[in-house]
C-alpha atoms as a PDB file:
ATOM      1  CA  MET A   1      64.731  91.722  78.925  1.00  0.00           C
ATOM      2  CA  SER A   2      61.745  93.914  78.096  1.00  0.00           C
ATOM      3  CA  ALA A   3      58.208  93.483  77.100  1.00  0.00           C
ATOM      4  CA  HIS A   4      57.090  97.103  76.739  1.00  0.00           C
ATOM      5  CA  GLU A   5      54.264  96.291  74.428  1.00  0.00           C
ATOM      6  CA  SER A   6      52.531  94.771  77.455  1.00  0.00           C
ATOM      7  CA  PRO A   7      50.463  97.171  79.481  1.00  0.00           C
ATOM      8  CA  SER A   8      51.481  95.708  82.871  1.00  0.00           C
ATOM      9  CA  PRO A   9      54.946  97.701  83.349  1.00  0.00           C
ATOM     10  CA  ARG A  10      53.254 100.947  82.473  1.00  0.00           C
ATOM     11  CA  LEU A  11      50.605 100.541  85.013  1.00  0.00           C
ATOM     12  CA  ALA A  12      52.604  99.422  88.018  1.00  0.00           C
ATOM     13  CA  PRO A  13      53.524 102.218  90.378  1.00  0.00           C
ATOM     14  CA  LEU A  14      57.100 103.270  89.786  1.00  0.00           C
ATOM     15  CA  GLY A  15      58.224 102.406  93.215  1.00  0.00           C
ATOM     16  CA  ARG A  16      57.061  98.724  92.731  1.00  0.00           C
ATOM     17  CA  ARG A  17      58.871  98.731  89.354  1.00  0.00           C
ATOM     18  CA  LEU A  18      62.093 100.009  90.881  1.00  0.00           C
ATOM     19  CA  VAL A  19      62.073  97.381  93.619  1.00  0.00           C
ATOM     20  CA  ALA A  20      61.633  94.548  90.897  1.00  0.00           C
ATOM     21  CA  GLU A  21      64.501  95.981  88.987  1.00  0.00           C
ATOM     22  CA  PHE A  22      66.567  96.099  92.213  1.00  0.00           C
ATOM     23  CA  LEU A  23      65.701  92.552  93.080  1.00  0.00           C
ATOM     24  CA  GLY A  24      65.990  91.318  89.466  1.00  0.00           C
ATOM     25  CA  THR A  25      69.330  92.823  88.833  1.00  0.00           C
ATOM     26  CA  GLY A  26      70.762  91.788  92.331  1.00  0.00           C
ATOM     27  CA  LEU A  27      69.645  88.197  91.983  1.00  0.00           C
ATOM     28  CA  LEU A  28      71.070  88.152  88.481  1.00  0.00           C
ATOM     29  CA  VAL A  29      74.506  89.343  89.759  1.00  0.00           C
ATOM     30  CA  ALA A  30      74.235  86.985  92.734  1.00  0.00           C
ATOM     31  CA  ILE A  31      73.727  84.175  90.263  1.00  0.00           C
ATOM     32  CA  VAL A  32      76.626  85.193  88.092  1.00  0.00           C
ATOM     33  CA  VAL A  33      79.043  85.734  90.982  1.00  0.00           C
ATOM     34  CA  GLY A  34      77.862  82.848  93.205  1.00  0.00           C
ATOM     35  CA  SER A  35      78.036  80.346  90.547  1.00  0.00           C
ATOM     36  CA  GLY A  36      81.448  81.476  89.478  1.00  0.00           C
ATOM     37  CA  ILE A  37      82.674  81.054  92.979  1.00  0.00           C
ATOM     38  CA  ALA A  38      81.223  77.585  93.203  1.00  0.00           C
ATOM     39  CA  ALA A  39      82.563  76.610  89.718  1.00  0.00           C
ATOM     40  CA  SER A  40      86.030  77.634  90.912  1.00  0.00           C
ATOM     41  CA  ALA A  41      85.776  75.470  94.042  1.00  0.00           C
ATOM     42  CA  LEU A  42      84.196  72.332  92.277  1.00  0.00           C
ATOM     43  CA  SER A  43      86.446  72.525  89.114  1.00  0.00           C
ATOM     44  CA  PRO A  44      89.639  74.304  90.272  1.00  0.00           C
ATOM     45  CA  ASP A  45      91.867  72.710  87.577  1.00  0.00           C
ATOM     46  CA  ASP A  46      89.474  73.028  84.563  1.00  0.00           C
ATOM     47  CA  ILE A  47      88.851  76.504  83.499  1.00  0.00           C
ATOM     48  CA  GLY A  48      86.587  75.413  80.517  1.00  0.00           C
ATOM     49  CA  LEU A  49      84.301  73.410  82.975  1.00  0.00           C
ATOM     50  CA  GLN A  50      84.123  76.518  85.279  1.00  0.00           C
ATOM     51  CA  LEU A  51      82.896  78.439  82.434  1.00  0.00           C
ATOM     52  CA  LEU A  52      80.371  75.731  81.388  1.00  0.00           C
ATOM     53  CA  GLU A  53      79.017  75.679  85.049  1.00  0.00           C
ATOM     54  CA  ASN A  54      78.853  79.526  85.406  1.00  0.00           C
ATOM     55  CA  SER A  55      77.146  79.982  81.880  1.00  0.00           C
ATOM     56  CA  PHE A  56      74.710  77.264  82.595  1.00  0.00           C
ATOM     57  CA  ALA A  57      73.535  78.691  85.959  1.00  0.00           C
ATOM     58  CA  THR A  58      73.361  82.066  84.463  1.00  0.00           C
ATOM     59  CA  THR A  59      71.161  80.911  81.439  1.00  0.00           C
ATOM     60  CA  LEU A  60      68.679  79.203  83.681  1.00  0.00           C
ATOM     61  CA  GLY A  61      68.675  82.086  86.302  1.00  0.00           C
ATOM     62  CA  LEU A  62      68.317  84.888  84.011  1.00  0.00           C
ATOM     63  CA  ALA A  63      65.379  83.262  82.062  1.00  0.00           C
ATOM     64  CA  VAL A  64      63.479  82.612  85.344  1.00  0.00           C
ATOM     65  CA  LEU A  65      64.154  86.227  86.575  1.00  0.00           C
ATOM     66  CA  ILE A  66      62.699  87.718  83.332  1.00  0.00           C
ATOM     67  CA  ALA A  67      59.627  85.442  83.357  1.00  0.00           C
ATOM     68  CA  VAL A  68      58.894  86.340  86.856  1.00  0.00           C
ATOM     69  CA  LEU A  69      59.526  90.096  86.684  1.00  0.00           C
ATOM     70  CA  ALA A  70      58.777  91.289  83.170  1.00  0.00           C
ATOM     71  CA  PRO A  71      54.956  91.642  83.838  1.00  0.00           C
ATOM     72  CA  LEU A  72      55.931  94.048  86.648  1.00  0.00           C
ATOM     73  CA  SER A  73      58.820  96.166  85.468  1.00  0.00           C
ATOM     74  CA  GLY A  74      59.725  94.947  82.065  1.00  0.00           C
ATOM     75  CA  ALA A  75      62.597  93.023  83.549  1.00  0.00           C
ATOM     76  CA  HIS A  76      65.136  95.372  82.070  1.00  0.00           C
ATOM     77  CA  PHE A  77      67.971  94.620  84.647  1.00  0.00           C
ATOM     78  CA  ASN A  78      70.152  96.657  82.410  1.00  0.00           C
ATOM     79  CA  PRO A  79      70.448 100.490  81.806  1.00  0.00           C
ATOM     80  CA  VAL A  80      71.087  99.844  78.045  1.00  0.00           C
ATOM     81  CA  VAL A  81      67.885  97.932  77.623  1.00  0.00           C
ATOM     82  CA  SER A  82      66.078 100.714  79.481  1.00  0.00           C
ATOM     83  CA  LEU A  83      67.541 103.323  77.209  1.00  0.00           C
ATOM     84  CA  ALA A  84      66.669 101.111  74.154  1.00  0.00           C
ATOM     85  CA  ASP A  85      63.196 100.511  75.338  1.00  0.00           C
ATOM     86  CA  TRP A  86      62.538 104.393  75.538  1.00  0.00           C
ATOM     87  CA  TRP A  87      64.174 105.043  72.248  1.00  0.00           C
ATOM     88  CA  MET A  88      62.306 102.389  70.431  1.00  0.00           C
ATOM     89  CA  SER A  89      58.822 103.360  71.877  1.00  0.00           C
ATOM     90  CA  ARG A  90      59.212 107.028  71.777  1.00  0.00           C
ATOM     91  CA  ARG A  91      57.314 107.631  68.503  1.00  0.00           C
ATOM     92  CA  SER A  92      54.814 104.848  69.018  1.00  0.00           C
ATOM     93  CA  THR A  93      51.113 105.790  69.310  1.00  0.00           C
ATOM     94  CA  GLN A  94      50.857 103.669  72.308  1.00  0.00           C
ATOM     95  CA  PRO A  95      52.455 104.526  75.804  1.00  0.00           C
ATOM     96  CA  GLY A  96      55.995 103.336  76.086  1.00  0.00           C
ATOM     97  CA  PHE A  97      58.806 103.482  78.653  1.00  0.00           C
ATOM     98  CA  ALA A  98      59.033 107.082  79.711  1.00  0.00           C
ATOM     99  CA  ALA A  99      62.356 108.959  79.646  1.00  0.00           C
ATOM    100  CA  ARG A 100      61.814 110.178  83.198  1.00  0.00           C
ATOM    101  CA  ASP A 101      62.059 106.548  84.324  1.00  0.00           C
ATOM    102  CA  ILE A 102      65.461 105.926  82.770  1.00  0.00           C
ATOM    103  CA  ALA A 103      67.574 107.401  85.716  1.00  0.00           C
ATOM    104  CA  PRO A 104      65.565 105.829  88.466  1.00  0.00           C
ATOM    105  CA  TYR A 105      65.761 102.382  86.634  1.00  0.00           C
ATOM    106  CA  ALA A 106      69.462 102.654  86.151  1.00  0.00           C
ATOM    107  CA  VAL A 107      70.096 103.685  89.916  1.00  0.00           C
ATOM    108  CA  ALA A 108      67.932 100.738  91.047  1.00  0.00           C
ATOM    109  CA  GLN A 109      69.705  98.375  88.588  1.00  0.00           C
ATOM    110  CA  ALA A 110      73.170  99.456  89.816  1.00  0.00           C
ATOM    111  CA  ALA A 111      72.375  99.400  93.501  1.00  0.00           C
ATOM    112  CA  GLY A 112      70.877  95.838  93.024  1.00  0.00           C
ATOM    113  CA  ALA A 113      73.972  94.682  91.176  1.00  0.00           C
ATOM    114  CA  ILE A 114      76.334  95.882  93.949  1.00  0.00           C
ATOM    115  CA  GLY A 115      73.955  94.148  96.392  1.00  0.00           C
ATOM    116  CA  GLY A 116      73.918  90.941  94.583  1.00  0.00           C
ATOM    117  CA  ALA A 117      77.868  90.800  94.488  1.00  0.00           C
ATOM    118  CA  LEU A 118      78.068  91.491  98.100  1.00  0.00           C
ATOM    119  CA  LEU A 119      75.278  88.870  98.777  1.00  0.00           C
ATOM    120  CA  ALA A 120      77.299  86.242  96.727  1.00  0.00           C
ATOM    121  CA  ASN A 121      80.488  87.163  98.710  1.00  0.00           C
ATOM    122  CA  ALA A 122      78.655  86.630 101.930  1.00  0.00           C
ATOM    123  CA  MET A 123      76.926  83.387 101.045  1.00  0.00           C
ATOM    124  CA  PHE A 124      80.368  81.921 100.243  1.00  0.00           C
ATOM    125  CA  ASP A 125      82.067  83.710 103.256  1.00  0.00           C
ATOM    126  CA  ILE A 126      84.433  85.711 101.099  1.00  0.00           C
ATOM    127  CA  PRO A 127      85.357  89.005 102.357  1.00  0.00           C
ATOM    128  CA  ALA A 128      84.163  92.103 100.368  1.00  0.00           C
ATOM    129  CA  ALA A 129      86.724  93.511  98.209  1.00  0.00           C
ATOM    130  CA  ILE A 130      87.391  95.566  95.063  1.00  0.00           C
ATOM    131  CA  SER A 131      88.197  93.289  92.257  1.00  0.00           C
ATOM    132  CA  ALA A 132      91.925  93.277  90.672  1.00  0.00           C
ATOM    133  CA  THR A 133      90.901  91.399  87.701  1.00  0.00           C
ATOM    134  CA  GLU A 134      91.959  93.360  84.749  1.00  0.00           C
ATOM    135  CA  ARG A 135      89.796  92.548  81.480  1.00  0.00           C
ATOM    136  CA  ALA A 136      90.100  95.510  79.257  1.00  0.00           C
ATOM    137  CA  THR A 137      91.759  94.894  75.977  1.00  0.00           C
ATOM    138  CA  PRO A 138      90.971  95.888  72.335  1.00  0.00           C
ATOM    139  CA  ALA A 139      89.498  92.246  71.852  1.00  0.00           C
ATOM    140  CA  THR A 140      87.341  92.443  74.893  1.00  0.00           C
ATOM    141  CA  PHE A 141      86.188  96.055  73.955  1.00  0.00           C
ATOM    142  CA  LEU A 142      85.024  94.641  70.715  1.00  0.00           C
ATOM    143  CA  ALA A 143      83.359  91.710  72.221  1.00  0.00           C
ATOM    144  CA  GLU A 144      81.250  93.924  74.622  1.00  0.00           C
ATOM    145  CA  ILE A 145      80.110  95.956  71.601  1.00  0.00           C
ATOM    146  CA  ALA A 146      79.256  92.728  69.864  1.00  0.00           C
ATOM    147  CA  ALA A 147      77.546  91.085  72.674  1.00  0.00           C
ATOM    148  CA  THR A 148      75.377  94.119  73.885  1.00  0.00           C
ATOM    149  CA  ALA A 149      74.345  94.840  70.304  1.00  0.00           C
ATOM    150  CA  GLY A 150      73.263  91.143  69.901  1.00  0.00           C
ATOM    151  CA  LEU A 151      71.398  91.356  73.301  1.00  0.00           C
ATOM    152  CA  VAL A 152      69.372  94.496  72.142  1.00  0.00           C
ATOM    153  CA  LEU A 153      68.882  92.855  68.734  1.00  0.00           C
ATOM    154  CA  VAL A 154      67.401  89.612  70.470  1.00  0.00           C
ATOM    155  CA  ILE A 155      65.199  91.443  72.731  1.00  0.00           C
ATOM    156  CA  PHE A 156      63.521  94.070  70.509  1.00  0.00           C
ATOM    157  CA  SER A 157      63.278  91.940  67.449  1.00  0.00           C
ATOM    158  CA  LEU A 158      61.019  89.474  69.468  1.00  0.00           C
ATOM    159  CA  THR A 159      59.263  92.375  70.915  1.00  0.00           C
ATOM    160  CA  ARG A 160      58.520  94.129  67.553  1.00  0.00           C
ATOM    161  CA  SER A 161      57.719  90.819  65.703  1.00  0.00           C
ATOM    162  CA  GLY A 162      55.096  90.034  68.229  1.00  0.00           C
ATOM    163  CA  ASN A 163      57.101  87.197  69.920  1.00  0.00           C
ATOM    164  CA  ALA A 164      57.793  88.722  73.299  1.00  0.00           C
ATOM    165  CA  ARG A 165      56.629  85.603  75.141  1.00  0.00           C
ATOM    166  CA  MET A 166      59.793  84.031  73.940  1.00  0.00           C
ATOM    167  CA  ILE A 167      62.098  86.696  75.526  1.00  0.00           C
ATOM    168  CA  PRO A 168      62.795  85.073  78.660  1.00  0.00           C
ATOM    169  CA  ALA A 169      64.259  81.792  77.164  1.00  0.00           C
ATOM    170  CA  ALA A 170      65.796  83.476  74.188  1.00  0.00           C
ATOM    171  CA  VAL A 171      67.628  86.048  76.306  1.00  0.00           C
ATOM    172  CA  GLY A 172      68.772  83.508  78.734  1.00  0.00           C
ATOM    173  CA  ALA A 173      70.047  81.263  75.957  1.00  0.00           C
ATOM    174  CA  TYR A 174      71.717  84.188  74.115  1.00  0.00           C
ATOM    175  CA  ILE A 175      73.594  85.238  77.245  1.00  0.00           C
ATOM    176  CA  GLY A 176      74.694  81.680  77.919  1.00  0.00           C
ATOM    177  CA  ALA A 177      76.012  81.436  74.373  1.00  0.00           C
ATOM    178  CA  ALA A 178      77.812  84.793  74.672  1.00  0.00           C
ATOM    179  CA  TYR A 179      79.791  83.503  77.653  1.00  0.00           C
ATOM    180  CA  TRP A 180      81.536  81.417  75.004  1.00  0.00           C
ATOM    181  CA  PHE A 181      81.600  83.530  71.825  1.00  0.00           C
ATOM    182  CA  ALA A 182      82.692  86.686  73.384  1.00  0.00           C
ATOM    183  CA  SER A 183      86.216  86.983  74.780  1.00  0.00           C
ATOM    184  CA  SER A 184      84.934  89.231  77.442  1.00  0.00           C
ATOM    185  CA  THR A 185      82.415  86.446  78.511  1.00  0.00           C
ATOM    186  CA  SER A 186      79.647  88.914  77.727  1.00  0.00           C
ATOM    187  CA  PHE A 187      78.979  91.289  80.561  1.00  0.00           C
ATOM    188  CA  ALA A 188      76.795  93.251  78.060  1.00  0.00           C
ATOM    189  CA  ASN A 189      75.261  95.311  80.995  1.00  0.00           C
ATOM    190  CA  PRO A 190      76.457  98.433  82.745  1.00  0.00           C
ATOM    191  CA  ALA A 191      74.708  97.674  85.963  1.00  0.00           C
ATOM    192  CA  VAL A 192      76.194  94.252  86.080  1.00  0.00           C
ATOM    193  CA  THR A 193      79.534  95.563  85.162  1.00  0.00           C
ATOM    194  CA  ILE A 194      79.461  98.100  88.093  1.00  0.00           C
ATOM    195  CA  GLY A 195      78.294  95.233  90.493  1.00  0.00           C
ATOM    196  CA  ARG A 196      81.120  92.846  89.521  1.00  0.00           C
ATOM    197  CA  ILE A 197      83.637  95.399  90.626  1.00  0.00           C
ATOM    198  CA  PHE A 198      82.706  94.471  94.173  1.00  0.00           C
ATOM    199  CA  THR A 199      83.972  90.967  94.140  1.00  0.00           C
ATOM    200  CA  ASP A 200      87.591  89.865  93.987  1.00  0.00           C
ATOM    201  CA  THR A 201      86.661  86.537  92.552  1.00  0.00           C
ATOM    202  CA  ILE A 202      86.587  84.758  89.133  1.00  0.00           C
ATOM    203  CA  ALA A 203      83.513  87.047  88.199  1.00  0.00           C
ATOM    204  CA  GLY A 204      85.085  90.331  89.153  1.00  0.00           C
ATOM    205  CA  ILE A 205      86.342  93.063  87.033  1.00  0.00           C
ATOM    206  CA  ALA A 206      88.855  95.878  88.151  1.00  0.00           C
ATOM    207  CA  PRO A 207      87.442  99.439  88.081  1.00  0.00           C
ATOM    208  CA  ALA A 208      89.947 100.572  85.548  1.00  0.00           C
ATOM    209  CA  SER A 209      88.715  97.724  83.105  1.00  0.00           C
ATOM    210  CA  ALA A 210      85.016  98.698  83.938  1.00  0.00           C
ATOM    211  CA  VAL A 211      85.381 101.908  82.175  1.00  0.00           C
ATOM    212  CA  PRO A 212      85.966 100.768  78.712  1.00  0.00           C
ATOM    213  CA  PHE A 213      83.513  97.993  79.200  1.00  0.00           C
ATOM    214  CA  LEU A 214      80.777 100.507  80.067  1.00  0.00           C
ATOM    215  CA  ALA A 215      81.623 102.547  76.836  1.00  0.00           C
ATOM    216  CA  ALA A 216      81.728  99.418  74.643  1.00  0.00           C
ATOM    217  CA  GLN A 217      78.270  98.420  76.155  1.00  0.00           C
ATOM    218  CA  LEU A 218      76.654 101.922  75.359  1.00  0.00           C
ATOM    219  CA  LEU A 219      78.065 101.810  71.919  1.00  0.00           C
ATOM    220  CA  GLY A 220      76.736  98.326  71.321  1.00  0.00           C
ATOM    221  CA  GLY A 221      73.296  99.226  72.540  1.00  0.00           C
ATOM    222  CA  VAL A 222      73.407 102.048  69.906  1.00  0.00           C
ATOM    223  CA  ILE A 223      74.321  99.654  67.155  1.00  0.00           C
ATOM    224  CA  GLY A 224      71.656  97.247  68.389  1.00  0.00           C
ATOM    225  CA  VAL A 225      68.864  99.743  68.159  1.00  0.00           C
ATOM    226  CA  LEU A 226      69.976 100.758  64.758  1.00  0.00           C
ATOM    227  CA  LEU A 227      69.871  97.147  63.564  1.00  0.00           C
ATOM    228  CA  VAL A 228      66.316  96.449  65.054  1.00  0.00           C
ATOM    229  CA  ARG A 229      65.010  99.727  63.456  1.00  0.00           C
ATOM    230  CA  TYR A 230      66.223  98.582  60.015  1.00  0.00           C
ATOM    231  CA  LEU A 231      65.067  95.026  60.319  1.00  0.00           C
ATOM    232  CA  PHE A 232      61.869  95.635  62.097  1.00  0.00           C
ATOM    233  CA  PRO A 233      60.773  99.254  61.120  1.00  0.00           C
ATOM    234  CA  VAL A 234      57.225  98.711  62.457  1.00  0.00           C
ATOM    235  CA  LEU A 235      55.641  96.791  65.437  1.00  0.00           C
ATOM    236  CA  ALA A 236      53.752  93.629  64.575  1.00  0.00           C
ATOM    237  CA  GLY A 237      49.944  94.332  64.439  1.00  0.00           C
ATOM    238  CA  ALA A 238      50.457  98.016  64.329  1.00  0.00           C
ATOM    239  CA  PRO A 239      47.543  99.845  62.666  1.00  0.00           C
ATOM    240  CA  ASP A 240      47.790 100.625  59.004  1.00  0.00           C
ATOM    241  CA  ALA A 241      48.278 104.479  59.442  1.00  0.00           C
ATOM    242  CA  VAL A 242      51.172 103.776  61.911  1.00  0.00           C
ATOM    243  CA  ILE A 243      52.830 101.274  59.760  1.00  0.00           C
ATOM    244  CA  ALA A 244      52.641 103.925  56.822  1.00  0.00           C
ATOM    245  CA  LYS A 245      54.046 106.592  58.962  1.00  0.00           C
ATOM    246  CA  GLU A 246      56.896 104.414  60.331  1.00  0.00           C
ATOM    247  CA  THR A 247      57.718 102.969  56.846  1.00  0.00           C
ATOM    248  CA  ILE A 248      58.090 106.451  55.551  1.00  0.00           C
ATOM    249  CA  GLU A 249      60.325 107.508  58.366  1.00  0.00           C
ATOM    250  CA  VAL A 250      62.574 104.588  57.969  1.00  0.00           C
ATOM    251  CA  ALA A 251      62.805 105.259  54.131  1.00  0.00           C
ATOM    252  CA  LYS A 252      63.850 108.708  54.732  1.00  0.00           C
END
């Protein structure tokens, strides 16, 4: 959920970018939680259909949010993506995502996620409560590593290959698929994980389970960055001197 090769996110004032990240992450969590609540009510006896409804809404909603907000903030909506964006661009000859913006982005994303969960609760007249849903197991820990690594790989492979315009559809499709192939249903996002603590519904996660999920997501982000750096060591269209320099660095 990033397009850091585009100049727009770098030129927008930080305050405006933070509002975009707050809104984008909040709406994403509202979509995840709200569609989960609706799915539970519409298909109470069919868990598979509930997951299909929830994943379909998330796929569409996430793609739209990225398309709308990427030109402004990069549409990270995810602290792991912000960290990866900074790391991937730190040696670039072009301005990239600044290290000083990582913490403000993460705060805006987490606050937005909490707000999105509370909004979804309110829209369905469900009292705000801390989730009691335990999700942490060795299998879900591994699933979160894989899902987050895959997310980073999708985003930055497209960015570095010059196909950033495909990111909204590709990321939406990937997350929709990851609902099904990951036993954790693919949170793949520390901010979303924190937000989902604040809804005691089908989409919730207990605080005790959130901690290992967060650790798995950070580890998955590191693995994703390593994979991208290996598979796409240089940016598409980079000057010959930059290509030579980065190729040598990767070879080392």
